[in-house]
């Protein structure tokens, strides 16, 4: 299909084609990638600090409104719905 080209040869050809045709767009793409990585890392850092604060609140409050263990679901039963209820 590719006239006997190996994997590395195809990779080099693809890189050259991208550099040839997408060269003017590469700086803006790199800038956007850098901004996205900065936003992502700041969000991850914020999530970690919020998680540490939440754990500290649970530790200091004891068995308060934030249970340390997950609560098991409660089994219920289906009841007849009122015809006047719009839900």
N, C-alpha and C. Protein backbone atom coordinates (compact mmCIF):
# COMPACT_ATOMS: atom_id res chain seq x y z
N UNK A 1 0.83 -1.19 0.00
CA UNK A 1 0.00 0.00 0.00
C UNK A 1 0.87 1.25 0.00
N UNK A 2 1.92 1.27 0.83
CA UNK A 2 2.79 2.43 0.92
C UNK A 2 4.15 2.16 0.27
N UNK A 3 4.21 1.25 -0.69
CA UNK A 3 5.40 0.95 -1.48
C UNK A 3 6.60 0.56 -0.61
N UNK A 4 6.38 -0.27 0.40
CA UNK A 4 7.46 -0.79 1.21
C UNK A 4 8.03 0.17 2.23
N UNK A 5 7.27 1.17 2.65
CA UNK A 5 7.76 2.11 3.66
C UNK A 5 7.60 1.50 5.04
N UNK A 6 8.60 1.70 5.87
CA UNK A 6 8.55 1.22 7.25
C UNK A 6 7.82 2.23 8.12
N UNK A 7 7.62 1.87 9.39
CA UNK A 7 6.90 2.74 10.33
C UNK A 7 7.58 4.07 10.55
N UNK A 8 8.92 4.05 10.78
CA UNK A 8 9.64 5.30 11.04
C UNK A 8 9.66 6.21 9.83
N UNK A 9 9.72 5.62 8.66
CA UNK A 9 9.70 6.42 7.44
C UNK A 9 8.36 7.14 7.28
N UNK A 10 7.28 6.44 7.59
CA UNK A 10 5.95 7.07 7.53
C UNK A 10 5.83 8.20 8.55
N UNK A 11 6.36 7.98 9.74
CA UNK A 11 6.30 9.01 10.78
C UNK A 11 7.05 10.26 10.34
N UNK A 12 8.22 10.09 9.75
CA UNK A 12 9.00 11.24 9.30
C UNK A 12 8.28 11.98 8.17
N UNK A 13 7.67 11.25 7.25
CA UNK A 13 6.92 11.88 6.15
C UNK A 13 5.73 12.66 6.71
N UNK A 14 5.01 12.10 7.67
CA UNK A 14 3.86 12.78 8.25
C UNK A 14 4.29 14.05 8.98
N UNK A 15 5.39 13.98 9.72
CA UNK A 15 5.91 15.16 10.44
C UNK A 15 6.29 16.25 9.44
N UNK A 16 6.95 15.87 8.36
CA UNK A 16 7.34 16.86 7.35
C UNK A 16 6.13 17.50 6.69
N UNK A 17 5.10 16.72 6.41
CA UNK A 17 3.88 17.27 5.80
C UNK A 17 3.19 18.23 6.77
N UNK A 18 3.12 17.86 8.03
CA UNK A 18 2.50 18.75 9.02
C UNK A 18 3.29 20.04 9.14
N UNK A 19 4.61 19.95 9.20
CA UNK A 19 5.44 21.16 9.29
C UNK A 19 5.30 22.02 8.04
N UNK A 20 5.17 21.40 6.90
CA UNK A 20 5.08 22.15 5.65
C UNK A 20 3.76 22.89 5.53
N UNK A 21 2.65 22.21 5.83
CA UNK A 21 1.34 22.81 5.61
C UNK A 21 0.75 23.50 6.83
N UNK A 22 1.20 23.17 8.02
CA UNK A 22 0.62 23.75 9.22
C UNK A 22 1.58 24.66 9.95
N UNK A 23 2.68 25.03 9.33
CA UNK A 23 3.69 25.86 10.00
C UNK A 23 3.15 27.20 10.48
N UNK A 24 2.34 27.92 9.71
CA UNK A 24 1.83 29.21 10.22
C UNK A 24 0.92 29.07 11.44
N UNK A 25 0.27 27.93 11.60
CA UNK A 25 -0.67 27.74 12.70
C UNK A 25 -0.01 27.17 13.95
N UNK A 26 1.22 26.68 13.84
CA UNK A 26 1.87 26.03 14.98
C UNK A 26 2.07 26.95 16.19
N UNK A 27 2.47 28.22 16.05
CA UNK A 27 2.63 29.06 17.24
C UNK A 27 1.32 29.27 18.01
N UNK A 28 0.24 29.50 17.30
CA UNK A 28 -1.04 29.69 17.99
C UNK A 28 -1.52 28.39 18.63
N UNK A 29 -1.26 27.27 17.97
CA UNK A 29 -1.64 25.99 18.56
C UNK A 29 -0.84 25.71 19.82
N UNK A 30 0.45 26.04 19.81
CA UNK A 30 1.29 25.83 20.99
C UNK A 30 0.85 26.76 22.12
N UNK A 31 0.51 28.01 21.80
CA UNK A 31 0.04 28.95 22.81
C UNK A 31 -1.26 28.45 23.45
N UNK A 32 -2.19 27.98 22.63
CA UNK A 32 -3.45 27.46 23.15
C UNK A 32 -3.23 26.22 24.02
N UNK A 33 -2.28 25.37 23.60
CA UNK A 33 -1.98 24.19 24.40
C UNK A 33 -1.39 24.58 25.76
N UNK A 34 -0.50 25.58 25.77
CA UNK A 34 0.08 26.05 27.02
C UNK A 34 -0.96 26.65 27.95
N UNK A 35 -1.88 27.44 27.41
CA UNK A 35 -2.94 28.01 28.24
C UNK A 35 -3.84 26.91 28.80
N UNK A 36 -4.15 25.93 27.98
CA UNK A 36 -4.99 24.82 28.44
C UNK A 36 -4.32 24.05 29.56
N UNK A 37 -3.02 23.81 29.43
CA UNK A 37 -2.29 23.08 30.47
C UNK A 37 -2.23 23.88 31.78
N UNK A 38 -2.06 25.21 31.68
CA UNK A 38 -2.04 26.04 32.89
C UNK A 38 -3.40 26.01 33.59
N UNK A 39 -4.47 26.11 32.81
CA UNK A 39 -5.82 26.06 33.38
C UNK A 39 -6.06 24.71 34.02
N UNK A 40 -5.67 23.64 33.34
CA UNK A 40 -5.87 22.30 33.87
C UNK A 40 -5.12 22.10 35.18
N UNK A 41 -3.85 22.53 35.22
CA UNK A 41 -3.07 22.34 36.44
C UNK A 41 -3.62 23.16 37.59
N UNK A 42 -4.11 24.38 37.31
CA UNK A 42 -4.69 25.18 38.40
C UNK A 42 -5.99 24.56 38.91
N UNK A 43 -6.78 23.98 38.02
CA UNK A 43 -8.01 23.32 38.46
C UNK A 43 -7.71 22.08 39.30
N UNK A 44 -6.71 21.31 38.90
CA UNK A 44 -6.33 20.13 39.68
C UNK A 44 -5.84 20.54 41.06
N UNK A 45 -5.03 21.61 41.12
CA UNK A 45 -4.53 22.10 42.40
C UNK A 45 -5.68 22.56 43.29
N UNK A 46 -6.66 23.25 42.70
CA UNK A 46 -7.82 23.73 43.46
C UNK A 46 -8.64 22.55 43.98
N UNK A 47 -8.82 21.52 43.16
CA UNK A 47 -9.57 20.35 43.61
C UNK A 47 -8.87 19.66 44.77
N UNK A 48 -7.54 19.59 44.71
CA UNK A 48 -6.79 18.96 45.81
C UNK A 48 -6.93 19.73 47.11
N UNK A 49 -6.85 21.06 47.04
CA UNK A 49 -6.98 21.85 48.26
C UNK A 49 -8.39 21.76 48.83
N UNK A 50 -9.41 21.74 47.94
CA UNK A 50 -10.78 21.60 48.42
C UNK A 50 -10.97 20.23 49.07
N UNK A 51 -10.36 19.20 48.51
CA UNK A 51 -10.49 17.86 49.09
C UNK A 51 -9.81 17.79 50.46
N UNK A 52 -8.65 18.44 50.59
CA UNK A 52 -7.97 18.46 51.89
C UNK A 52 -8.79 19.23 52.92
N UNK A 53 -9.41 20.34 52.52
CA UNK A 53 -10.25 21.11 53.43
C UNK A 53 -11.46 20.29 53.86
N UNK A 54 -12.05 19.58 52.91
CA UNK A 54 -13.22 18.77 53.23
C UNK A 54 -12.86 17.65 54.20
N UNK A 55 -11.70 17.02 54.01
CA UNK A 55 -11.26 15.97 54.93
C UNK A 55 -10.96 16.55 56.31
N UNK A 56 -10.39 17.76 56.35
CA UNK A 56 -10.10 18.39 57.64
C UNK A 56 -11.39 18.72 58.37
N UNK A 57 -12.43 19.16 57.65
CA UNK A 57 -13.71 19.46 58.27
C UNK A 57 -14.33 18.20 58.85
N UNK A 58 -14.23 17.09 58.16
CA UNK A 58 -14.80 15.84 58.65
C UNK A 58 -14.03 15.37 59.88
N UNK A 59 -12.72 15.52 59.87
CA UNK A 59 -11.92 15.08 61.02
C UNK A 59 -12.20 15.91 62.26
N UNK A 60 -12.38 17.21 62.12
CA UNK A 60 -12.60 18.06 63.29
C UNK A 60 -14.03 17.99 63.79
N UNK A 61 -14.98 17.74 62.90
CA UNK A 61 -16.37 17.74 63.34
C UNK A 61 -16.80 16.38 63.87
N UNK A 62 -16.03 15.35 63.65
CA UNK A 62 -16.40 14.03 64.12
C UNK A 62 -17.51 13.46 63.26
N UNK A 63 -18.59 13.02 63.91
CA UNK A 63 -19.72 12.44 63.18
C UNK A 63 -20.76 13.52 62.96
N UNK A 64 -20.40 14.56 62.28
CA UNK A 64 -21.31 15.67 62.03
C UNK A 64 -22.15 15.44 60.79
N UNK A 65 -22.33 16.49 60.02
CA UNK A 65 -23.18 16.40 58.85
C UNK A 65 -22.49 15.70 57.69
N UNK A 66 -21.17 15.53 57.75
CA UNK A 66 -20.43 14.86 56.70
C UNK A 66 -19.96 13.50 57.22
N UNK A 67 -20.69 12.44 56.90
CA UNK A 67 -20.26 11.14 57.41
C UNK A 67 -18.96 10.70 56.75
N UNK A 68 -18.10 10.04 57.54
CA UNK A 68 -16.82 9.58 57.02
C UNK A 68 -17.01 8.37 56.11
N UNK A 69 -17.95 7.52 56.43
CA UNK A 69 -18.23 6.34 55.63
C UNK A 69 -19.40 6.61 54.69
N UNK A 70 -19.39 6.04 53.50
CA UNK A 70 -20.53 6.23 52.60
C UNK A 70 -21.78 5.58 53.16
N UNK A 71 -22.89 6.22 52.93
CA UNK A 71 -24.16 5.73 53.44
C UNK A 71 -24.73 4.73 52.45
N UNK A 72 -25.21 3.61 52.97
CA UNK A 72 -25.81 2.59 52.11
C UNK A 72 -27.17 3.09 51.61
N UNK A 73 -27.53 2.73 50.38
CA UNK A 73 -28.84 3.17 49.87
C UNK A 73 -29.98 2.50 50.63
N UNK A 74 -31.07 3.22 50.74
CA UNK A 74 -32.24 2.72 51.44
C UNK A 74 -33.20 2.14 50.42
N UNK A 75 -33.67 0.93 50.71
CA UNK A 75 -34.61 0.30 49.79
C UNK A 75 -36.00 0.87 50.05
N UNK A 76 -36.69 1.17 48.98
CA UNK A 76 -38.02 1.74 49.12
C UNK A 76 -39.03 0.96 48.32
N UNK A 77 -40.24 1.49 48.28
CA UNK A 77 -41.28 0.84 47.51
C UNK A 77 -41.98 1.89 46.67
N UNK A 78 -42.56 1.47 45.56
CA UNK A 78 -43.26 2.37 44.66
C UNK A 78 -44.69 2.52 45.15
N UNK A 79 -45.16 3.76 45.24
CA UNK A 79 -46.53 4.01 45.66
C UNK A 79 -47.30 4.57 44.47
N UNK A 80 -48.64 4.47 44.57
CA UNK A 80 -49.47 5.01 43.49
C UNK A 80 -49.35 6.51 43.44
N UNK A 81 -49.29 7.03 42.24
CA UNK A 81 -49.13 8.46 42.04
C UNK A 81 -50.49 9.12 41.96
N UNK A 82 -50.59 10.33 42.48
CA UNK A 82 -51.84 11.09 42.43
C UNK A 82 -52.01 11.62 41.00
N UNK A 83 -53.21 11.51 40.44
CA UNK A 83 -53.47 11.95 39.07
C UNK A 83 -53.33 13.47 38.94
N UNK A 84 -53.54 14.20 40.01
CA UNK A 84 -53.42 15.66 39.96
C UNK A 84 -51.97 16.13 40.01
N UNK A 85 -51.06 15.23 40.36
CA UNK A 85 -49.63 15.58 40.44
C UNK A 85 -49.08 15.71 39.03
N UNK A 86 -48.45 16.84 38.72
CA UNK A 86 -47.96 17.08 37.36
C UNK A 86 -46.58 16.49 37.12
N UNK A 87 -45.92 16.00 38.14
CA UNK A 87 -44.57 15.44 37.95
C UNK A 87 -44.59 14.17 37.22
